[in-house]
N, C-alpha and C. Protein backbone atom coordinates (compact mmCIF):
# COMPACT_ATOMS: atom_id res chain seq x y z
N UNK A 1 -141.50 248.68 182.44
CA UNK A 1 -141.14 247.29 182.18
C UNK A 1 -139.64 247.20 182.18
N UNK A 2 -139.08 246.04 182.53
CA UNK A 2 -137.69 245.85 182.55
C UNK A 2 -137.35 244.38 182.64
N UNK A 3 -136.06 244.11 182.62
CA UNK A 3 -135.56 242.72 182.75
C UNK A 3 -134.31 242.76 183.56
N UNK A 4 -134.08 241.80 184.47
CA UNK A 4 -132.84 241.74 185.18
C UNK A 4 -132.34 240.31 185.21
N UNK A 5 -131.02 240.19 185.22
CA UNK A 5 -130.29 238.96 185.31
C UNK A 5 -129.65 238.91 186.71
N UNK A 6 -129.87 237.85 187.43
CA UNK A 6 -129.40 237.78 188.83
C UNK A 6 -128.68 236.45 189.02
N UNK A 7 -127.71 236.48 189.84
CA UNK A 7 -126.97 235.23 190.19
C UNK A 7 -126.64 235.10 191.63
N UNK A 8 -126.74 233.94 192.16
CA UNK A 8 -126.41 233.62 193.57
C UNK A 8 -125.54 232.37 193.63
N UNK A 9 -124.47 232.48 194.38
CA UNK A 9 -123.55 231.30 194.56
C UNK A 9 -123.92 230.74 195.99
N UNK A 10 -124.30 229.48 196.05
CA UNK A 10 -124.78 228.86 197.34
C UNK A 10 -123.78 227.75 197.68
N UNK A 11 -123.16 227.91 198.86
CA UNK A 11 -122.28 226.87 199.36
C UNK A 11 -123.11 225.83 200.07
N UNK A 12 -122.69 224.54 200.09
CA UNK A 12 -123.44 223.51 200.72
C UNK A 12 -123.33 223.64 202.27
N UNK A 13 -124.35 223.19 203.00
CA UNK A 13 -124.29 223.20 204.47
C UNK A 13 -123.08 222.40 204.96
N UNK A 14 -122.51 222.80 206.08
CA UNK A 14 -121.35 222.12 206.65
C UNK A 14 -121.77 220.73 207.13
N UNK A 15 -120.90 219.76 206.78
CA UNK A 15 -121.11 218.39 207.26
C UNK A 15 -122.13 217.59 206.50
N UNK A 16 -122.66 218.10 205.36
CA UNK A 16 -123.68 217.34 204.63
C UNK A 16 -123.06 216.28 203.75
N UNK A 17 -121.77 216.47 203.35
CA UNK A 17 -121.15 215.51 202.46
C UNK A 17 -119.65 215.74 202.51
N UNK A 18 -118.88 214.67 202.11
CA UNK A 18 -117.43 214.84 201.96
C UNK A 18 -117.11 215.55 200.67
N UNK A 19 -118.00 215.58 199.74
CA UNK A 19 -117.79 216.19 198.43
C UNK A 19 -118.30 217.60 198.42
N UNK A 20 -117.44 218.61 198.09
CA UNK A 20 -117.88 220.01 197.97
C UNK A 20 -118.72 220.19 196.76
N UNK A 21 -120.00 220.46 196.96
CA UNK A 21 -120.98 220.51 195.80
C UNK A 21 -121.86 221.75 195.88
N UNK A 22 -121.30 222.92 195.52
CA UNK A 22 -122.11 224.16 195.56
C UNK A 22 -123.00 224.26 194.33
N UNK A 23 -123.82 225.36 194.26
CA UNK A 23 -124.66 225.61 193.08
C UNK A 23 -124.57 227.07 192.75
N UNK A 24 -124.57 227.39 191.44
CA UNK A 24 -124.68 228.73 190.93
C UNK A 24 -126.12 228.89 190.43
N UNK A 25 -126.92 229.57 191.14
CA UNK A 25 -128.36 229.76 190.84
C UNK A 25 -128.50 231.07 190.11
N UNK A 26 -128.94 231.02 188.81
CA UNK A 26 -129.04 232.24 187.99
C UNK A 26 -130.51 232.42 187.55
N UNK A 27 -130.94 233.62 187.45
CA UNK A 27 -132.33 233.90 187.08
C UNK A 27 -132.46 235.01 186.08
N UNK A 28 -133.39 234.91 185.14
CA UNK A 28 -133.75 235.98 184.21
C UNK A 28 -135.21 236.34 184.51
N UNK A 29 -135.44 237.50 185.01
CA UNK A 29 -136.77 237.94 185.50
C UNK A 29 -137.21 239.18 184.71
N UNK A 30 -138.50 239.22 184.42
CA UNK A 30 -139.16 240.40 183.83
C UNK A 30 -139.91 241.06 184.96
N UNK A 31 -139.91 242.38 184.95
CA UNK A 31 -140.62 243.07 186.01
C UNK A 31 -141.33 244.31 185.45
N UNK A 32 -142.28 244.86 186.25
CA UNK A 32 -142.99 246.08 185.92
C UNK A 32 -142.96 246.96 187.13
N UNK A 33 -142.99 248.28 186.91
CA UNK A 33 -143.02 249.25 187.98
C UNK A 33 -144.32 250.07 187.85
N UNK A 34 -144.92 250.35 189.00
CA UNK A 34 -146.10 251.19 189.01
C UNK A 34 -145.75 252.65 188.96
N UNK A 35 -146.78 253.55 188.98
CA UNK A 35 -146.49 254.96 188.97
C UNK A 35 -145.94 255.40 190.36
N UNK A 36 -145.29 256.53 190.31
CA UNK A 36 -144.83 257.15 191.57
C UNK A 36 -146.01 257.81 192.30
N UNK A 37 -146.27 257.42 193.52
CA UNK A 37 -147.37 257.95 194.32
C UNK A 37 -146.90 259.03 195.27
N UNK A 38 -147.58 260.15 195.24
CA UNK A 38 -147.25 261.32 196.09
C UNK A 38 -145.83 261.84 195.99
N UNK A 39 -145.18 261.45 194.92
CA UNK A 39 -143.78 261.88 194.65
C UNK A 39 -142.77 261.19 195.55
N UNK A 40 -143.23 260.12 196.27
CA UNK A 40 -142.44 259.54 197.24
C UNK A 40 -142.05 258.08 197.04
N UNK A 41 -142.96 257.23 196.53
CA UNK A 41 -142.70 255.83 196.42
C UNK A 41 -143.45 255.19 195.26
N UNK A 42 -143.03 254.04 194.89
CA UNK A 42 -143.77 253.18 193.93
C UNK A 42 -143.52 251.72 194.24
N UNK A 43 -144.39 250.87 193.75
CA UNK A 43 -144.23 249.42 193.92
C UNK A 43 -143.83 248.82 192.58
N UNK A 44 -143.16 247.63 192.69
CA UNK A 44 -142.76 246.92 191.54
C UNK A 44 -142.78 245.42 191.80
N UNK A 45 -142.70 244.64 190.78
CA UNK A 45 -142.70 243.20 190.96
C UNK A 45 -142.52 242.45 189.66
N UNK A 46 -142.20 241.21 189.77
CA UNK A 46 -142.00 240.42 188.54
C UNK A 46 -141.58 239.01 188.88
N UNK A 47 -141.25 238.25 187.82
CA UNK A 47 -140.79 236.89 188.02
C UNK A 47 -140.23 236.32 186.76
N UNK A 48 -139.69 235.14 186.84
CA UNK A 48 -139.14 234.52 185.60
C UNK A 48 -138.57 233.14 185.87
N UNK A 49 -137.67 232.74 185.02
CA UNK A 49 -137.06 231.39 185.07
C UNK A 49 -135.66 231.46 185.73
N UNK A 50 -135.39 230.36 186.46
CA UNK A 50 -134.07 230.22 187.14
C UNK A 50 -133.45 228.91 186.63
N UNK A 51 -132.13 228.93 186.56
CA UNK A 51 -131.34 227.74 186.17
C UNK A 51 -130.26 227.59 187.22
N UNK A 52 -130.20 226.39 187.85
CA UNK A 52 -129.12 226.09 188.76
C UNK A 52 -128.04 225.27 188.05
N UNK A 53 -126.81 225.61 188.27
CA UNK A 53 -125.68 224.88 187.68
C UNK A 53 -124.74 224.46 188.83
N UNK A 54 -124.46 223.15 188.81
CA UNK A 54 -123.49 222.59 189.77
C UNK A 54 -122.11 222.57 189.11
N UNK A 55 -121.21 223.46 189.56
CA UNK A 55 -119.86 223.52 188.95
C UNK A 55 -118.97 222.35 189.32
N UNK A 56 -119.27 221.67 190.44
CA UNK A 56 -118.44 220.53 190.82
C UNK A 56 -119.31 219.32 191.12
N UNK A 57 -120.06 218.80 190.13
CA UNK A 57 -120.99 217.69 190.36
C UNK A 57 -120.31 216.34 190.61
N UNK A 58 -120.97 215.54 191.33
CA UNK A 58 -120.56 214.10 191.47
C UNK A 58 -121.41 213.25 190.49
N UNK A 59 -121.36 211.98 190.65
CA UNK A 59 -122.09 211.08 189.66
C UNK A 59 -123.55 210.98 190.00
N UNK A 60 -124.06 211.63 191.03
CA UNK A 60 -125.48 211.57 191.39
C UNK A 60 -126.14 212.86 191.07
N UNK A 61 -127.44 212.85 190.75
CA UNK A 61 -128.22 214.02 190.52
C UNK A 61 -127.93 214.70 189.20
N UNK A 62 -128.71 215.79 188.99
CA UNK A 62 -128.55 216.52 187.72
C UNK A 62 -127.55 217.65 187.78
N UNK A 63 -126.90 217.96 186.73
CA UNK A 63 -125.91 219.05 186.70
C UNK A 63 -126.70 220.42 186.57
N UNK A 64 -127.78 220.38 185.82
CA UNK A 64 -128.66 221.60 185.62
C UNK A 64 -130.04 221.30 186.25
N UNK A 65 -130.61 222.28 186.91
CA UNK A 65 -131.93 222.22 187.50
C UNK A 65 -132.65 223.49 187.12
N UNK A 66 -133.86 223.30 186.58
CA UNK A 66 -134.74 224.48 186.20
C UNK A 66 -135.80 224.72 187.23
N UNK A 67 -136.06 226.00 187.51
CA UNK A 67 -137.09 226.35 188.51
C UNK A 67 -137.58 227.81 188.15
N UNK A 68 -138.37 228.34 189.02
CA UNK A 68 -138.91 229.65 188.85
C UNK A 68 -138.72 230.51 190.09
N UNK A 69 -138.96 231.82 189.92
CA UNK A 69 -138.82 232.74 191.06
C UNK A 69 -139.47 234.02 190.78
N UNK A 70 -139.50 234.90 191.77
CA UNK A 70 -140.15 236.17 191.59
C UNK A 70 -139.84 237.11 192.79
N UNK A 71 -140.34 238.30 192.70
CA UNK A 71 -140.14 239.33 193.71
C UNK A 71 -141.23 240.41 193.63
N UNK A 72 -141.43 241.11 194.78
CA UNK A 72 -142.24 242.26 194.85
C UNK A 72 -141.52 243.21 195.78
N UNK A 73 -141.62 244.51 195.48
CA UNK A 73 -140.86 245.48 196.33
C UNK A 73 -141.47 246.85 196.29
N UNK A 74 -140.83 247.72 197.09
CA UNK A 74 -141.21 249.15 197.14
C UNK A 74 -139.93 249.94 197.00
N UNK A 75 -140.07 251.04 196.27
CA UNK A 75 -138.94 251.93 196.05
C UNK A 75 -139.36 253.32 196.62
N UNK A 76 -138.52 253.82 197.48
CA UNK A 76 -138.74 255.09 198.17
C UNK A 76 -137.76 256.13 197.61
N UNK A 77 -138.33 257.17 196.96
CA UNK A 77 -137.53 258.19 196.31
C UNK A 77 -136.99 259.19 197.31
N UNK A 78 -135.71 259.44 197.30
CA UNK A 78 -135.12 260.39 198.26
C UNK A 78 -134.48 261.57 197.55
N UNK A 79 -134.25 261.48 196.26
CA UNK A 79 -133.66 262.53 195.42
C UNK A 79 -134.05 262.21 193.99
N UNK A 80 -133.91 263.27 193.10
CA UNK A 80 -134.33 262.99 191.71
C UNK A 80 -133.63 261.82 191.03
N UNK A 81 -132.41 261.51 191.43
CA UNK A 81 -131.65 260.33 190.85
C UNK A 81 -131.37 259.23 191.80
N UNK A 82 -132.03 259.18 192.97
CA UNK A 82 -131.69 258.12 193.94
C UNK A 82 -132.93 257.66 194.67
N UNK A 83 -132.96 256.38 194.99
CA UNK A 83 -134.03 255.83 195.79
C UNK A 83 -133.53 254.67 196.65
N UNK A 84 -134.23 254.38 197.70
CA UNK A 84 -133.97 253.17 198.51
C UNK A 84 -134.99 252.12 198.16
N UNK A 85 -134.63 250.88 198.18
CA UNK A 85 -135.52 249.78 197.86
C UNK A 85 -135.59 248.71 198.92
N UNK A 86 -136.77 248.11 199.01
CA UNK A 86 -136.99 246.99 199.94
C UNK A 86 -137.75 245.96 199.17
N UNK A 87 -137.33 244.66 199.17
CA UNK A 87 -137.87 243.71 198.31
C UNK A 87 -137.97 242.31 198.94
N UNK A 88 -139.09 241.67 198.72
CA UNK A 88 -139.39 240.30 199.14
C UNK A 88 -139.45 239.42 197.90
N UNK A 89 -138.91 238.27 197.96
CA UNK A 89 -138.90 237.36 196.76
C UNK A 89 -138.64 235.94 197.21
N UNK A 90 -138.39 235.13 196.18
CA UNK A 90 -138.08 233.74 196.39
C UNK A 90 -137.86 233.02 195.11
N UNK A 91 -137.29 231.81 195.21
CA UNK A 91 -137.01 231.01 194.03
C UNK A 91 -137.02 229.56 194.40
N UNK A 92 -137.21 228.71 193.40
CA UNK A 92 -137.16 227.27 193.60
C UNK A 92 -135.74 226.77 193.69
N UNK A 93 -135.60 225.46 193.95
CA UNK A 93 -134.24 224.88 194.08
C UNK A 93 -133.44 224.87 192.79
N UNK A 94 -132.20 225.17 192.91
CA UNK A 94 -131.30 225.11 191.72
C UNK A 94 -130.36 223.93 191.76
N UNK A 95 -130.29 223.24 192.90
CA UNK A 95 -129.36 222.09 193.07
C UNK A 95 -130.04 220.85 192.63
N UNK A 96 -129.36 219.95 191.95
CA UNK A 96 -129.93 218.71 191.45
C UNK A 96 -130.18 217.65 192.51
N UNK A 97 -129.66 217.81 193.74
CA UNK A 97 -129.78 216.82 194.85
C UNK A 97 -130.45 217.38 196.06
N UNK A 98 -130.21 218.64 196.38
CA UNK A 98 -130.75 219.25 197.62
C UNK A 98 -131.65 220.43 197.25
N UNK A 99 -132.35 220.86 198.31
CA UNK A 99 -133.19 222.07 198.06
C UNK A 99 -132.85 223.18 199.11
N UNK A 100 -131.60 223.15 199.59
CA UNK A 100 -131.25 224.17 200.58
C UNK A 100 -131.01 225.55 199.98
N UNK A 101 -131.08 225.68 198.66
CA UNK A 101 -130.94 226.99 198.02
C UNK A 101 -132.28 227.58 197.63
N UNK A 102 -133.37 226.87 197.89
CA UNK A 102 -134.72 227.36 197.61
C UNK A 102 -135.27 228.11 198.77
N UNK A 103 -136.26 229.01 198.46
CA UNK A 103 -136.91 229.65 199.58
C UNK A 103 -137.00 231.16 199.40
N UNK A 104 -137.32 231.85 200.48
CA UNK A 104 -137.60 233.29 200.41
C UNK A 104 -136.32 234.07 200.46
N UNK A 105 -136.33 235.28 199.98
CA UNK A 105 -135.27 236.23 200.06
C UNK A 105 -135.76 237.60 200.43
N UNK A 106 -134.96 238.31 201.21
CA UNK A 106 -135.28 239.67 201.55
C UNK A 106 -134.07 240.54 201.19
N UNK A 107 -134.28 241.56 200.39
CA UNK A 107 -133.19 242.41 200.00
C UNK A 107 -133.51 243.87 200.18
N UNK A 108 -132.54 244.67 200.44
CA UNK A 108 -132.65 246.11 200.56
C UNK A 108 -131.43 246.73 199.98
N UNK A 109 -131.61 247.94 199.51
CA UNK A 109 -130.46 248.65 198.88
C UNK A 109 -130.87 249.99 198.40
N UNK A 110 -130.09 250.49 197.47
CA UNK A 110 -130.43 251.76 196.84
C UNK A 110 -130.19 251.72 195.33
N UNK A 111 -130.85 252.62 194.64
CA UNK A 111 -130.80 252.62 193.20
C UNK A 111 -130.35 254.07 192.83
N UNK A 112 -129.42 254.17 191.90
CA UNK A 112 -128.99 255.47 191.34
C UNK A 112 -129.34 255.49 189.85
N UNK A 113 -130.09 256.46 189.42
CA UNK A 113 -130.48 256.55 188.00
C UNK A 113 -129.47 257.42 187.26
N UNK A 114 -129.00 256.95 186.12
CA UNK A 114 -128.14 257.68 185.31
C UNK A 114 -128.84 258.22 184.14
N UNK A 115 -128.29 259.23 183.46
CA UNK A 115 -128.94 259.81 182.25
C UNK A 115 -129.70 261.00 182.54
N UNK A 116 -130.49 261.47 181.61
CA UNK A 116 -131.30 262.68 181.73
C UNK A 116 -132.63 262.31 182.33
N UNK A 117 -132.88 262.58 183.60
CA UNK A 117 -134.11 262.18 184.30
C UNK A 117 -135.22 263.13 184.00
N UNK A 118 -134.96 264.32 183.45
CA UNK A 118 -136.07 265.21 183.12
C UNK A 118 -136.58 265.06 181.75
N UNK A 119 -135.88 264.36 180.86
CA UNK A 119 -136.31 264.19 179.51
C UNK A 119 -137.54 263.26 179.40
N UNK A 120 -138.45 263.55 178.53
CA UNK A 120 -139.64 262.74 178.37
C UNK A 120 -139.69 262.17 176.99
């Protein structure tokens, strides 16, 4: 089990308005990881609440927007302290006027574990 805090800064599409109106989309997600299979990989997933904040709002729409989101992924172990990850997810809109920040996400990367990995 775990928890992660995530943030995304979304710029508005070009030509949509004369007013620059981005959104900071932040999420607090809870997740769980499965067991390591064959000493090679494991799956994980979770979800939670997202809050969109417009740092430069105009007089229309809401400054804060609440939505939800989640993810599911696979972690491939390559060393005792390192793994590669591939993840599919998505979240609802965080902007009070538009929904161009909502939708699917695909992420990949690596994880490095710190501390004593052999301790139980």
